[in-house]
C-alpha atoms as a PDB file:
ATOM      1  CA  MET A   1     -69.025  91.708 177.674  1.00  0.00           C
ATOM      2  CA  LYS A   2     -66.153  89.886 179.326  1.00  0.00           C
ATOM      3  CA  THR A   3     -62.496  91.035 178.982  1.00  0.00           C
ATOM      4  CA  SER A   4     -59.712  88.412 179.378  1.00  0.00           C
ATOM      5  CA  THR A   5     -56.690  89.139 181.548  1.00  0.00           C
ATOM      6  CA  ILE A   6     -53.683  90.260 179.527  1.00  0.00           C
ATOM      7  CA  SER A   7     -50.094  90.050 180.902  1.00  0.00           C
ATOM      8  CA  SER A   8     -46.866  91.238 179.294  1.00  0.00           C
ATOM      9  CA  ILE A   9     -44.659  88.936 181.414  1.00  0.00           C
ATOM     10  CA  SER A  10     -45.149  85.931 179.131  1.00  0.00           C
ATOM     11  CA  ILE A  11     -44.203  88.030 176.114  1.00  0.00           C
ATOM     12  CA  GLN A  12     -41.085  89.318 177.894  1.00  0.00           C
ATOM     13  CA  ASN A  13     -40.056  85.763 178.829  1.00  0.00           C
ATOM     14  CA  ALA A  14     -40.482  84.617 175.255  1.00  0.00           C
ATOM     15  CA  LEU A  15     -38.401  87.504 173.966  1.00  0.00           C
ATOM     16  CA  ARG A  16     -35.735  86.854 176.605  1.00  0.00           C
ATOM     17  CA  HIS A  17     -35.494  83.234 175.460  1.00  0.00           C
ATOM     18  CA  THR A  18     -35.297  84.387 171.833  1.00  0.00           C
ATOM     19  CA  VAL A  19     -32.482  86.830 172.616  1.00  0.00           C
ATOM     20  CA  SER A  20     -30.522  84.237 174.598  1.00  0.00           C
ATOM     21  CA  SER A  21     -30.885  81.605 171.887  1.00  0.00           C
ATOM     22  CA  SER A  22     -30.085  84.064 169.116  1.00  0.00           C
ATOM     23  CA  GLN A  23     -26.955  85.328 170.884  1.00  0.00           C
ATOM     24  CA  GLY A  24     -25.644  81.772 171.231  1.00  0.00           C
ATOM     25  CA  GLN A  25     -26.330  81.077 167.561  1.00  0.00           C
ATOM     26  CA  LEU A  26     -24.770  84.424 166.636  1.00  0.00           C
ATOM     27  CA  MET A  27     -21.519  83.626 168.466  1.00  0.00           C
ATOM     28  CA  LYS A  28     -21.399  80.236 166.777  1.00  0.00           C
ATOM     29  CA  ALA A  29     -22.089  81.776 163.355  1.00  0.00           C
ATOM     30  CA  GLU A  30     -19.422  84.462 163.863  1.00  0.00           C
ATOM     31  CA  ARG A  31     -16.818  81.806 164.769  1.00  0.00           C
ATOM     32  CA  GLU A  32     -17.736  79.790 161.688  1.00  0.00           C
ATOM     33  CA  SER A  33     -17.586  82.906 159.515  1.00  0.00           C
ATOM     34  CA  THR A  34     -14.124  83.756 160.909  1.00  0.00           C
ATOM     35  CA  THR A  35     -12.531  80.270 160.896  1.00  0.00           C
ATOM     36  CA  GLY A  36     -14.314  78.915 157.835  1.00  0.00           C
ATOM     37  CA  LYS A  37     -14.999  75.660 159.746  1.00  0.00           C
ATOM     38  CA  TYR A  38     -17.915  74.180 161.617  1.00  0.00           C
ATOM     39  CA  ASP A  39     -18.042  75.411 165.185  1.00  0.00           C
ATOM     40  CA  ASP A  40     -18.909  71.965 166.528  1.00  0.00           C
ATOM     41  CA  ILE A  41     -17.232  69.348 164.334  1.00  0.00           C
ATOM     42  CA  GLY A  42     -18.808  66.434 166.180  1.00  0.00           C
ATOM     43  CA  VAL A  43     -22.383  67.692 165.710  1.00  0.00           C
ATOM     44  CA  ALA A  44     -21.812  68.758 162.103  1.00  0.00           C
ATOM     45  CA  LEU A  45     -19.966  65.646 160.879  1.00  0.00           C
ATOM     46  CA  GLY A  46     -21.376  62.896 163.034  1.00  0.00           C
ATOM     47  CA  ALA A  47     -19.790  59.580 162.009  1.00  0.00           C
ATOM     48  CA  LYS A  48     -17.216  61.437 159.873  1.00  0.00           C
ATOM     49  CA  THR A  49     -15.682  63.050 162.962  1.00  0.00           C
ATOM     50  CA  THR A  50     -13.112  60.250 163.254  1.00  0.00           C
ATOM     51  CA  ARG A  51     -11.902  61.014 159.753  1.00  0.00           C
ATOM     52  CA  SER A  52     -11.497  64.672 160.700  1.00  0.00           C
ATOM     53  CA  LEU A  53      -9.486  63.788 163.824  1.00  0.00           C
ATOM     54  CA  ASP A  54      -7.206  61.455 161.841  1.00  0.00           C
ATOM     55  CA  LEU A  55      -6.518  64.099 159.198  1.00  0.00           C
ATOM     56  CA  ASN A  56      -5.841  66.803 161.788  1.00  0.00           C
ATOM     57  CA  GLY A  57      -3.452  64.449 163.600  1.00  0.00           C
ATOM     58  CA  GLU A  58      -1.620  63.743 160.351  1.00  0.00           C
ATOM     59  CA  LEU A  59      -1.444  67.465 159.609  1.00  0.00           C
ATOM     60  CA  LEU A  60       0.096  68.093 163.036  1.00  0.00           C
ATOM     61  CA  ARG A  61       2.654  65.312 162.488  1.00  0.00           C
ATOM     62  CA  LEU A  62       3.666  66.787 159.127  1.00  0.00           C
ATOM     63  CA  GLN A  63       4.044  70.240 160.690  1.00  0.00           C
ATOM     64  CA  ASN A  64       6.221  68.789 163.466  1.00  0.00           C
ATOM     65  CA  LEU A  65       8.467  67.212 160.828  1.00  0.00           C
ATOM     66  CA  LYS A  66       8.755  70.554 159.021  1.00  0.00           C
ATOM     67  CA  ASP A  67       9.638  72.300 162.285  1.00  0.00           C
ATOM     68  CA  THR A  68      12.293  69.650 163.010  1.00  0.00           C
ATOM     69  CA  ASN A  69      13.659  70.009 159.487  1.00  0.00           C
ATOM     70  CA  SER A  70      14.034  73.735 160.059  1.00  0.00           C
ATOM     71  CA  VAL A  71      16.410  73.012 162.950  1.00  0.00           C
ATOM     72  CA  VAL A  72      18.198  70.384 160.841  1.00  0.00           C
ATOM     73  CA  THR A  73      18.650  72.905 158.026  1.00  0.00           C
ATOM     74  CA  GLN A  74      20.208  75.387 160.454  1.00  0.00           C
ATOM     75  CA  ARG A  75      22.620  72.732 161.740  1.00  0.00           C
ATOM     76  CA  LEU A  76      23.637  71.679 158.228  1.00  0.00           C
ATOM     77  CA  SER A  77      24.119  75.273 157.116  1.00  0.00           C
ATOM     78  CA  ALA A  78      26.242  76.121 160.160  1.00  0.00           C
ATOM     79  CA  SER A  79      28.293  72.930 159.675  1.00  0.00           C
ATOM     80  CA  GLN A  80      28.918  73.807 156.028  1.00  0.00           C
ATOM     81  CA  GLU A  81      30.055  77.284 156.996  1.00  0.00           C
ATOM     82  CA  ALA A  82      32.409  75.883 159.643  1.00  0.00           C
ATOM     83  CA  LEU A  83      33.869  73.328 157.201  1.00  0.00           C
ATOM     84  CA  THR A  84      34.417  76.064 154.633  1.00  0.00           C
ATOM     85  CA  ASN A  85      36.267  78.097 157.259  1.00  0.00           C
ATOM     86  CA  MET A  86      38.360  75.059 158.208  1.00  0.00           C
ATOM     87  CA  SER A  87      39.212  74.347 154.578  1.00  0.00           C
ATOM     88  CA  GLN A  88      40.290  77.963 154.068  1.00  0.00           C
ATOM     89  CA  ASN A  89      42.562  77.788 157.114  1.00  0.00           C
ATOM     90  CA  GLY A  90      43.983  74.562 155.733  1.00  0.00           C
ATOM     91  CA  GLN A  91      44.769  76.369 152.511  1.00  0.00           C
ATOM     92  CA  THR A  92      46.545  79.068 154.528  1.00  0.00           C
ATOM     93  CA  ILE A  93      48.694  76.384 156.164  1.00  0.00           C
ATOM     94  CA  LEU A  94      49.432  74.827 152.764  1.00  0.00           C
ATOM     95  CA  ASN A  95      50.479  78.200 151.333  1.00  0.00           C
ATOM     96  CA  ALA A  96      52.813  78.748 154.299  1.00  0.00           C
ATOM     97  CA  LEU A  97      54.397  75.331 153.743  1.00  0.00           C
ATOM     98  CA  VAL A  98      54.873  75.990 150.032  1.00  0.00           C
ATOM     99  CA  ALA A  99      56.504  79.341 150.801  1.00  0.00           C
ATOM    100  CA  LEU A 100      58.755  77.606 153.313  1.00  0.00           C
ATOM    101  CA  SER A 101      60.054  75.097 150.771  1.00  0.00           C
ATOM    102  CA  GLY A 102      63.842  75.367 150.582  1.00  0.00           C
ATOM    103  CA  ASN A 103      63.907  78.394 152.891  1.00  0.00           C
ATOM    104  CA  VAL A 104      66.384  78.180 155.774  1.00  0.00           C
ATOM    105  CA  ASP A 105      66.181  81.791 156.944  1.00  0.00           C
ATOM    106  CA  GLN A 106      65.258  81.754 160.621  1.00  0.00           C
ATOM    107  CA  THR A 107      63.062  84.827 160.317  1.00  0.00           C
ATOM    108  CA  SER A 108      61.054  83.192 157.529  1.00  0.00           C
ATOM    109  CA  LEU A 109      60.801  79.984 159.538  1.00  0.00           C
ATOM    110  CA  THR A 110      59.438  81.892 162.530  1.00  0.00           C
ATOM    111  CA  THR A 111      56.970  83.809 160.369  1.00  0.00           C
ATOM    112  CA  SER A 112      55.705  80.596 158.776  1.00  0.00           C
ATOM    113  CA  LYS A 113      55.366  78.933 162.177  1.00  0.00           C
ATOM    114  CA  ASN A 114      53.339  81.862 163.489  1.00  0.00           C
ATOM    115  CA  THR A 115      51.115  81.823 160.394  1.00  0.00           C
ATOM    116  CA  ILE A 116      50.471  78.089 160.742  1.00  0.00           C
ATOM    117  CA  THR A 117      49.830  78.404 164.477  1.00  0.00           C
ATOM    118  CA  SER A 118      47.322  81.190 163.926  1.00  0.00           C
ATOM    119  CA  ALA A 119      45.557  79.313 161.109  1.00  0.00           C
ATOM    120  CA  PHE A 120      45.256  76.131 163.140  1.00  0.00           C
ATOM    121  CA  THR A 121      43.936  78.041 166.150  1.00  0.00           C
ATOM    122  CA  ALA A 122      41.193  79.398 163.888  1.00  0.00           C
ATOM    123  CA  PHE A 123      40.704  75.880 162.506  1.00  0.00           C
ATOM    124  CA  THR A 124      40.205  74.542 166.042  1.00  0.00           C
ATOM    125  CA  GLY A 125      37.711  77.324 166.798  1.00  0.00           C
ATOM    126  CA  ALA A 126      35.674  76.389 163.715  1.00  0.00           C
ATOM    127  CA  ALA A 127      35.758  72.701 164.694  1.00  0.00           C
ATOM    128  CA  ASN A 128      34.364  73.681 168.098  1.00  0.00           C
ATOM    129  CA  THR A 129      31.459  75.669 166.631  1.00  0.00           C
ATOM    130  CA  SER A 130      28.191  75.318 168.528  1.00  0.00           C
ATOM    131  CA  LEU A 131      24.599  76.079 167.571  1.00  0.00           C
ATOM    132  CA  ASN A 132      21.708  76.378 170.026  1.00  0.00           C
ATOM    133  CA  GLY A 133      23.963  75.028 172.772  1.00  0.00           C
ATOM    134  CA  GLU A 134      25.058  71.941 170.776  1.00  0.00           C
ATOM    135  CA  TYR A 135      28.529  71.359 169.323  1.00  0.00           C
ATOM    136  CA  LEU A 136      28.336  70.609 165.600  1.00  0.00           C
ATOM    137  CA  PHE A 137      31.343  68.303 165.320  1.00  0.00           C
ATOM    138  CA  SER A 138      30.902  66.166 168.437  1.00  0.00           C
ATOM    139  CA  GLY A 139      28.866  63.452 166.728  1.00  0.00           C
ATOM    140  CA  ILE A 140      26.059  62.424 169.075  1.00  0.00           C
ATOM    141  CA  ASN A 141      28.068  63.702 172.068  1.00  0.00           C
ATOM    142  CA  THR A 142      26.736  67.208 171.363  1.00  0.00           C
ATOM    143  CA  ASP A 143      27.186  68.664 174.854  1.00  0.00           C
ATOM    144  CA  VAL A 144      30.999  68.264 174.900  1.00  0.00           C
ATOM    145  CA  LYS A 145      33.549  70.416 173.047  1.00  0.00           C
ATOM    146  CA  PRO A 146      34.972  68.078 170.389  1.00  0.00           C
ATOM    147  CA  LEU A 147      38.559  69.228 169.761  1.00  0.00           C
ATOM    148  CA  ASN A 148      41.284  70.076 172.272  1.00  0.00           C
ATOM    149  CA  ASP A 149      43.370  73.190 171.706  1.00  0.00           C
ATOM    150  CA  TYR A 150      46.893  72.017 170.904  1.00  0.00           C
ATOM    151  CA  PHE A 151      48.312  75.459 171.699  1.00  0.00           C
ATOM    152  CA  ASP A 152      46.503  75.867 175.022  1.00  0.00           C
ATOM    153  CA  PRO A 153      48.904  77.849 177.270  1.00  0.00           C
ATOM    154  CA  ALA A 154      47.940  75.585 180.170  1.00  0.00           C
ATOM    155  CA  GLY A 155      49.155  72.587 178.180  1.00  0.00           C
ATOM    156  CA  SER A 156      47.370  69.992 176.092  1.00  0.00           C
ATOM    157  CA  PRO A 157      47.389  66.169 176.105  1.00  0.00           C
ATOM    158  CA  ALA A 158      48.356  66.140 172.428  1.00  0.00           C
ATOM    159  CA  LYS A 159      51.462  68.275 172.954  1.00  0.00           C
ATOM    160  CA  THR A 160      52.482  66.188 175.982  1.00  0.00           C
ATOM    161  CA  ALA A 161      52.055  63.041 173.901  1.00  0.00           C
ATOM    162  CA  PHE A 162      54.169  64.496 171.077  1.00  0.00           C
ATOM    163  CA  ASN A 163      57.012  65.464 173.416  1.00  0.00           C
ATOM    164  CA  SER A 164      56.957  62.007 174.985  1.00  0.00           C
ATOM    165  CA  ALA A 165      56.963  60.250 171.595  1.00  0.00           C
ATOM    166  CA  LEU A 166      59.835  62.385 170.298  1.00  0.00           C
ATOM    167  CA  THR A 167      61.925  61.829 173.432  1.00  0.00           C
ATOM    168  CA  SER A 168      61.380  58.070 173.229  1.00  0.00           C
ATOM    169  CA  PHE A 169      62.254  57.988 169.535  1.00  0.00           C
ATOM    170  CA  LEU A 170      65.468  59.953 169.996  1.00  0.00           C
ATOM    171  CA  GLY A 171      66.525  57.744 172.902  1.00  0.00           C
ATOM    172  CA  ALA A 172      65.888  54.580 170.881  1.00  0.00           C
ATOM    173  CA  GLN A 173      68.276  55.532 168.092  1.00  0.00           C
ATOM    174  CA  VAL A 174      71.719  53.983 167.854  1.00  0.00           C
ATOM    175  CA  PRO A 175      73.525  55.948 169.053  1.00  0.00           C
ATOM    176  CA  PRO A 176      70.848  57.939 170.934  1.00  0.00           C
ATOM    177  CA  LEU A 177      70.253  61.460 169.618  1.00  0.00           C
ATOM    178  CA  ALA A 178      70.490  64.513 171.857  1.00  0.00           C
ATOM    179  CA  SER A 179      67.832  66.480 169.963  1.00  0.00           C
ATOM    180  CA  ALA A 180      65.575  66.376 166.911  1.00  0.00           C
ATOM    181  CA  SER A 181      68.002  68.697 165.144  1.00  0.00           C
ATOM    182  CA  SER A 182      70.428  65.777 164.947  1.00  0.00           C
ATOM    183  CA  MET A 183      68.050  63.520 162.979  1.00  0.00           C
ATOM    184  CA  SER A 184      68.848  62.436 159.450  1.00  0.00           C
ATOM    185  CA  ALA A 185      66.277  62.603 156.649  1.00  0.00           C
ATOM    186  CA  ALA A 186      65.659  58.858 157.001  1.00  0.00           C
ATOM    187  CA  GLN A 187      65.164  59.165 160.754  1.00  0.00           C
ATOM    188  CA  MET A 188      62.793  62.114 160.291  1.00  0.00           C
ATOM    189  CA  SER A 189      60.697  60.130 157.818  1.00  0.00           C
ATOM    190  CA  ASP A 190      60.757  57.111 160.130  1.00  0.00           C
ATOM    191  CA  PHE A 191      59.601  59.194 163.098  1.00  0.00           C
ATOM    192  CA  ILE A 192      56.763  60.803 161.159  1.00  0.00           C
ATOM    193  CA  ASP A 193      55.588  57.646 159.400  1.00  0.00           C
ATOM    194  CA  ASN A 194      55.942  55.046 162.138  1.00  0.00           C
ATOM    195  CA  THR A 195      55.686  56.998 165.406  1.00  0.00           C
ATOM    196  CA  LEU A 196      53.791  60.240 164.838  1.00  0.00           C
ATOM    197  CA  THR A 197      51.230  59.304 162.159  1.00  0.00           C
ATOM    198  CA  PRO A 198      49.799  56.303 164.084  1.00  0.00           C
ATOM    199  CA  MET A 199      49.018  58.699 166.940  1.00  0.00           C
ATOM    200  CA  TYR A 200      46.546  60.430 164.596  1.00  0.00           C
ATOM    201  CA  SER A 201      44.816  57.364 163.267  1.00  0.00           C
ATOM    202  CA  GLY A 202      44.364  55.097 166.287  1.00  0.00           C
ATOM    203  CA  ALA A 203      42.930  55.249 169.786  1.00  0.00           C
ATOM    204  CA  SER A 204      45.465  57.923 170.790  1.00  0.00           C
ATOM    205  CA  TRP A 205      43.466  60.446 168.798  1.00  0.00           C
ATOM    206  CA  ASN A 206      40.473  60.077 171.108  1.00  0.00           C
ATOM    207  CA  THR A 207      42.736  60.210 174.145  1.00  0.00           C
ATOM    208  CA  ASP A 208      44.826  63.239 173.174  1.00  0.00           C
ATOM    209  CA  TRP A 209      42.694  65.264 170.768  1.00  0.00           C
ATOM    210  CA  SER A 210      39.017  64.482 170.490  1.00  0.00           C
ATOM    211  CA  GLN A 211      35.957  63.986 172.694  1.00  0.00           C
ATOM    212  CA  ALA A 212      33.697  63.453 169.680  1.00  0.00           C
ATOM    213  CA  THR A 213      31.987  60.182 168.803  1.00  0.00           C
ATOM    214  CA  ASN A 214      32.305  58.503 165.425  1.00  0.00           C
ATOM    215  CA  GLN A 215      28.519  58.238 165.233  1.00  0.00           C
ATOM    216  CA  ASN A 216      26.909  61.303 163.696  1.00  0.00           C
ATOM    217  CA  VAL A 217      23.520  62.805 164.531  1.00  0.00           C
ATOM    218  CA  THR A 218      20.716  61.187 162.524  1.00  0.00           C
ATOM    219  CA  SER A 219      17.433  62.989 161.952  1.00  0.00           C
ATOM    220  CA  ARG A 220      14.067  61.829 160.639  1.00  0.00           C
ATOM    221  CA  ILE A 221      13.209  64.245 157.835  1.00  0.00           C
ATOM    222  CA  ASN A 222      10.192  62.415 156.443  1.00  0.00           C
ATOM    223  CA  ARG A 223       7.919  59.597 157.476  1.00  0.00           C
ATOM    224  CA  ASN A 224      10.287  56.855 156.294  1.00  0.00           C
ATOM    225  CA  GLU A 225      13.524  58.774 155.685  1.00  0.00           C
ATOM    226  CA  LEU A 226      16.497  59.185 158.017  1.00  0.00           C
ATOM    227  CA  VAL A 227      19.587  61.211 157.172  1.00  0.00           C
ATOM    228  CA  GLU A 228      22.902  62.045 158.861  1.00  0.00           C
ATOM    229  CA  THR A 229      22.839  65.728 159.730  1.00  0.00           C
ATOM    230  CA  SER A 230      26.237  66.310 161.342  1.00  0.00           C
ATOM    231  CA  ALA A 231      29.950  65.591 161.008  1.00  0.00           C
ATOM    232  CA  ASN A 232      32.476  64.787 163.734  1.00  0.00           C
ATOM    233  CA  ALA A 233      36.000  65.760 164.733  1.00  0.00           C
ATOM    234  CA  ASN A 234      37.265  62.220 164.138  1.00  0.00           C
ATOM    235  CA  SER A 235      37.138  62.577 160.351  1.00  0.00           C
ATOM    236  CA  SER A 236      40.297  62.045 158.350  1.00  0.00           C
ATOM    237  CA  GLY A 237      40.332  65.689 157.268  1.00  0.00           C
ATOM    238  CA  ILE A 238      40.635  67.002 160.819  1.00  0.00           C
ATOM    239  CA  ARG A 239      43.128  64.294 161.845  1.00  0.00           C
ATOM    240  CA  ASN A 240      45.419  65.045 158.910  1.00  0.00           C
ATOM    241  CA  MET A 241      45.222  68.785 159.520  1.00  0.00           C
ATOM    242  CA  ALA A 242      46.293  68.271 163.121  1.00  0.00           C
ATOM    243  CA  LEU A 243      49.156  66.016 162.008  1.00  0.00           C
ATOM    244  CA  ALA A 244      50.364  68.541 159.441  1.00  0.00           C
ATOM    245  CA  THR A 245      50.219  71.341 162.000  1.00  0.00           C
ATOM    246  CA  VAL A 246      52.245  69.422 164.574  1.00  0.00           C
ATOM    247  CA  ILE A 247      54.916  68.536 161.989  1.00  0.00           C
ATOM    248  CA  SER A 248      55.040  72.151 160.818  1.00  0.00           C
ATOM    249  CA  THR A 249      55.164  73.878 164.188  1.00  0.00           C
ATOM    250  CA  GLU A 250      57.226  71.351 166.172  1.00  0.00           C
ATOM    251  CA  LEU A 251      59.778  70.136 163.608  1.00  0.00           C
ATOM    252  CA  LEU A 252      60.157  72.519 160.661  1.00  0.00           C
ATOM    253  CA  SER A 253      61.191  75.455 162.805  1.00  0.00           C
ATOM    254  CA  LEU A 254      64.127  73.500 164.261  1.00  0.00           C
ATOM    255  CA  ASN A 255      67.688  73.972 163.085  1.00  0.00           C
ATOM    256  CA  LEU A 256      67.557  71.068 160.622  1.00  0.00           C
ATOM    257  CA  ALA A 257      69.713  70.098 157.705  1.00  0.00           C
ATOM    258  CA  THR A 258      68.180  71.040 154.358  1.00  0.00           C
ATOM    259  CA  ASP A 259      67.320  67.470 153.347  1.00  0.00           C
ATOM    260  CA  VAL A 260      65.835  66.744 156.787  1.00  0.00           C
ATOM    261  CA  ARG A 261      63.645  69.850 156.641  1.00  0.00           C
ATOM    262  CA  GLN A 262      62.610  68.929 153.120  1.00  0.00           C
ATOM    263  CA  ALA A 263      61.575  65.458 154.287  1.00  0.00           C
ATOM    264  CA  ALA A 264      59.455  66.919 157.089  1.00  0.00           C
ATOM    265  CA  ALA A 265      57.960  69.599 154.826  1.00  0.00           C
ATOM    266  CA  SER A 266      57.028  66.965 152.255  1.00  0.00           C
ATOM    267  CA  LYS A 267      55.171  64.933 154.907  1.00  0.00           C
ATOM    268  CA  ALA A 268      53.380  68.034 156.228  1.00  0.00           C
ATOM    269  CA  THR A 269      52.374  69.191 152.747  1.00  0.00           C
ATOM    270  CA  ALA A 270      50.984  65.747 151.874  1.00  0.00           C
ATOM    271  CA  ALA A 271      49.012  65.675 155.125  1.00  0.00           C
ATOM    272  CA  VAL A 272      47.509  69.133 154.475  1.00  0.00           C
ATOM    273  CA  GLY A 273      46.490  68.097 150.970  1.00  0.00           C
ATOM    274  CA  GLN A 274      44.757  65.005 152.338  1.00  0.00           C
ATOM    275  CA  ALA A 275      43.135  67.132 155.042  1.00  0.00           C
ATOM    276  CA  ILE A 276      41.653  69.644 152.598  1.00  0.00           C
ATOM    277  CA  SER A 277      40.398  66.807 150.411  1.00  0.00           C
ATOM    278  CA  GLY A 278      38.820  65.119 153.438  1.00  0.00           C
ATOM    279  CA  LEU A 279      37.130  68.350 154.540  1.00  0.00           C
ATOM    280  CA  ASP A 280      35.735  68.878 151.053  1.00  0.00           C
ATOM    281  CA  GLN A 281      34.343  65.334 151.121  1.00  0.00           C
ATOM    282  CA  GLU A 282      32.572  66.120 154.407  1.00  0.00           C
ATOM    283  CA  ARG A 283      31.126  69.255 152.838  1.00  0.00           C
ATOM    284  CA  GLY A 284      29.902  67.155 149.926  1.00  0.00           C
ATOM    285  CA  LYS A 285      28.205  64.661 152.260  1.00  0.00           C
ATOM    286  CA  LEU A 286      26.464  67.427 154.174  1.00  0.00           C
ATOM    287  CA  GLY A 287      25.469  69.033 150.878  1.00  0.00           C
ATOM    288  CA  LEU A 288      23.712  65.800 149.891  1.00  0.00           C
ATOM    289  CA  SER A 289      21.949  65.798 153.245  1.00  0.00           C
ATOM    290  CA  GLU A 290      20.844  69.401 152.655  1.00  0.00           C
ATOM    291  CA  ALA A 291      19.409  68.404 149.276  1.00  0.00           C
ATOM    292  CA  ARG A 292      17.534  65.487 150.841  1.00  0.00           C
ATOM    293  CA  VAL A 293      16.084  67.764 153.533  1.00  0.00           C
ATOM    294  CA  LYS A 294      14.929  70.224 150.873  1.00  0.00           C
ATOM    295  CA  ASN A 295      13.261  67.447 148.897  1.00  0.00           C
ATOM    296  CA  ALA A 296      11.648  66.158 152.088  1.00  0.00           C
ATOM    297  CA  ASN A 297      10.294  69.631 152.865  1.00  0.00           C
ATOM    298  CA  ASP A 298       8.825  69.873 149.360  1.00  0.00           C
ATOM    299  CA  SER A 299       7.168  66.492 149.856  1.00  0.00           C
ATOM    300  CA  LEU A 300       5.818  67.484 153.286  1.00  0.00           C
ATOM    301  CA  ALA A 301       4.424  70.736 151.866  1.00  0.00           C
ATOM    302  CA  ALA A 302       2.636  68.829 149.097  1.00  0.00           C
ATOM    303  CA  GLN A 303       1.181  66.364 151.612  1.00  0.00           C
ATOM    304  CA  LYS A 304       0.018  69.234 153.831  1.00  0.00           C
ATOM    305  CA  ASP A 305      -1.705  70.921 150.878  1.00  0.00           C
ATOM    306  CA  ILE A 306      -3.585  67.730 150.002  1.00  0.00           C
ATOM    307  CA  ILE A 307      -4.722  67.138 153.588  1.00  0.00           C
ATOM    308  CA  THR A 308      -5.644  70.803 154.093  1.00  0.00           C
ATOM    309  CA  THR A 309      -7.785  70.720 150.940  1.00  0.00           C
ATOM    310  CA  HIS A 310      -9.496  67.530 152.117  1.00  0.00           C
ATOM    311  CA  LEU A 311     -10.126  69.017 155.571  1.00  0.00           C
ATOM    312  CA  SER A 312     -11.513  72.168 153.995  1.00  0.00           C
ATOM    313  CA  ASP A 313     -14.018  70.070 152.058  1.00  0.00           C
ATOM    314  CA  LEU A 314     -14.851  68.037 155.148  1.00  0.00           C
ATOM    315  CA  GLU A 315     -14.991  70.731 157.840  1.00  0.00           C
ATOM    316  CA  GLY A 316     -15.477  73.887 155.822  1.00  0.00           C
ATOM    317  CA  VAL A 317     -18.633  75.983 155.841  1.00  0.00           C
ATOM    318  CA  ASP A 318     -20.070  78.162 153.083  1.00  0.00           C
ATOM    319  CA  GLY A 319     -18.531  81.544 153.871  1.00  0.00           C
ATOM    320  CA  PHE A 320     -21.321  83.481 152.144  1.00  0.00           C
ATOM    321  CA  GLU A 321     -24.019  81.502 153.945  1.00  0.00           C
ATOM    322  CA  ALA A 322     -22.279  81.942 157.306  1.00  0.00           C
ATOM    323  CA  SER A 323     -21.939  85.688 156.758  1.00  0.00           C
ATOM    324  CA  THR A 324     -25.598  85.971 155.789  1.00  0.00           C
ATOM    325  CA  ARG A 325     -26.619  83.982 158.861  1.00  0.00           C
ATOM    326  CA  VAL A 326     -24.608  86.358 161.061  1.00  0.00           C
ATOM    327  CA  GLN A 327     -26.404  89.378 159.618  1.00  0.00           C
ATOM    328  CA  ASN A 328     -29.831  87.775 160.009  1.00  0.00           C
ATOM    329  CA  LEU A 329     -29.151  86.802 163.619  1.00  0.00           C
ATOM    330  CA  LYS A 330     -27.904  90.297 164.425  1.00  0.00           C
ATOM    331  CA  ALA A 331     -31.103  91.714 162.968  1.00  0.00           C
ATOM    332  CA  LEU A 332     -33.182  89.247 165.010  1.00  0.00           C
ATOM    333  CA  VAL A 333     -31.371  90.120 168.239  1.00  0.00           C
ATOM    334  CA  GLU A 334     -31.756  93.843 167.598  1.00  0.00           C
ATOM    335  CA  ALA A 335     -35.479  93.381 166.876  1.00  0.00           C
ATOM    336  CA  SER A 336     -35.898  91.384 170.077  1.00  0.00           C
ATOM    337  CA  TYR A 337     -34.178  94.113 172.074  1.00  0.00           C
ATOM    338  CA  SER A 338     -36.425  96.732 170.451  1.00  0.00           C
ATOM    339  CA  LEU A 339     -39.613  94.781 171.211  1.00  0.00           C
ATOM    340  CA  THR A 340     -38.518  94.135 174.769  1.00  0.00           C
ATOM    341  CA  ALA A 341     -37.914  97.851 175.299  1.00  0.00           C
ATOM    342  CA  ARG A 342     -41.361  98.755 173.918  1.00  0.00           C
ATOM    343  CA  ILE A 343     -43.140  96.128 176.027  1.00  0.00           C
ATOM    344  CA  GLN A 344     -41.396  97.363 179.142  1.00  0.00           C
ATOM    345  CA  GLN A 345     -42.797 100.837 178.399  1.00  0.00           C
ATOM    346  CA  LEU A 346     -46.380  99.536 178.469  1.00  0.00           C
ATOM    347  CA  SER A 347     -48.325 100.748 181.524  1.00  0.00           C
ATOM    348  CA  LEU A 348     -52.024 100.600 182.506  1.00  0.00           C
ATOM    349  CA  VAL A 349     -51.693 104.181 183.597  1.00  0.00           C
ATOM    350  CA  ASN A 350     -51.498 105.192 179.954  1.00  0.00           C
ATOM    351  CA  TYR A 351     -55.061 103.898 179.451  1.00  0.00           C
ATOM    352  CA  LEU A 352     -56.606 105.365 182.605  1.00  0.00           C
ATOM    353  CA  LYS A 353     -56.085 108.955 181.694  1.00  0.00           C
END
């Protein structure tokens, strides 16, 4: 009788290959079970891979738009809050002017001036609000503070311009006037209407008061939709508030005749009213932009849901099948380890006893 040679090395090599292959398949199956998608999209989808790449690219673009809209929403919300603050300070100035009407008591005049000065300082602070390092009311010039502080102790271009305009006006009268206190009601109205007001509606505004641009920030909130997402310090509301403040603080506190003070107060009150109305219009415009951003976000969310569902159908694996495959592969690997251990224990010595 002839006995063939038997070697365990070939069996060990086969088991080693089985373990290695099973471990690779197990890792792949575990990833698929966890992510719910094919581990290798190209192998699984073949010619449909291009469709998967296109849909994933579109999904990323939609998410980028949503992320951008989140920043836009923050800017609009902060701008609305600042405009509300500015409008409230404007109302404070208006109340001070109404209380001043017909009042010639110097103490009351000083108190009103201080109230108006304080309110406009707060107004200027709100106009210079920044978010994430960008000024909200600078238009597209977002890295520059938009509004100069009229009451800056170091001096301001606007105050210098006012003093120069007043001095020139007084000197041009016939006969020349020594001070603003000597003006008549007609002269006061003439100075405000024809000298002072043009300084707040023309190029002087950008020279003396504002570094903002007239062009507002525009943001893309959807594939084919652009919207203005900022305001600027060159709006009529801010210009009129500055004009009213200058009239109130520079002229009303002077020792004026009753009719002259009434003429100046009337101009200041009208300017404040126009300012508050202008600020409310800006709030309305930004409110419309906020509504458009919200609608755009709803649209983007719906588009993302549709694409995600399509991708799930295209790339998704059967979760139950993947989980079952993981368990089967684990069992196979464990069996291979067990067999390998038993084969390694085989020894000819055991049969020579």
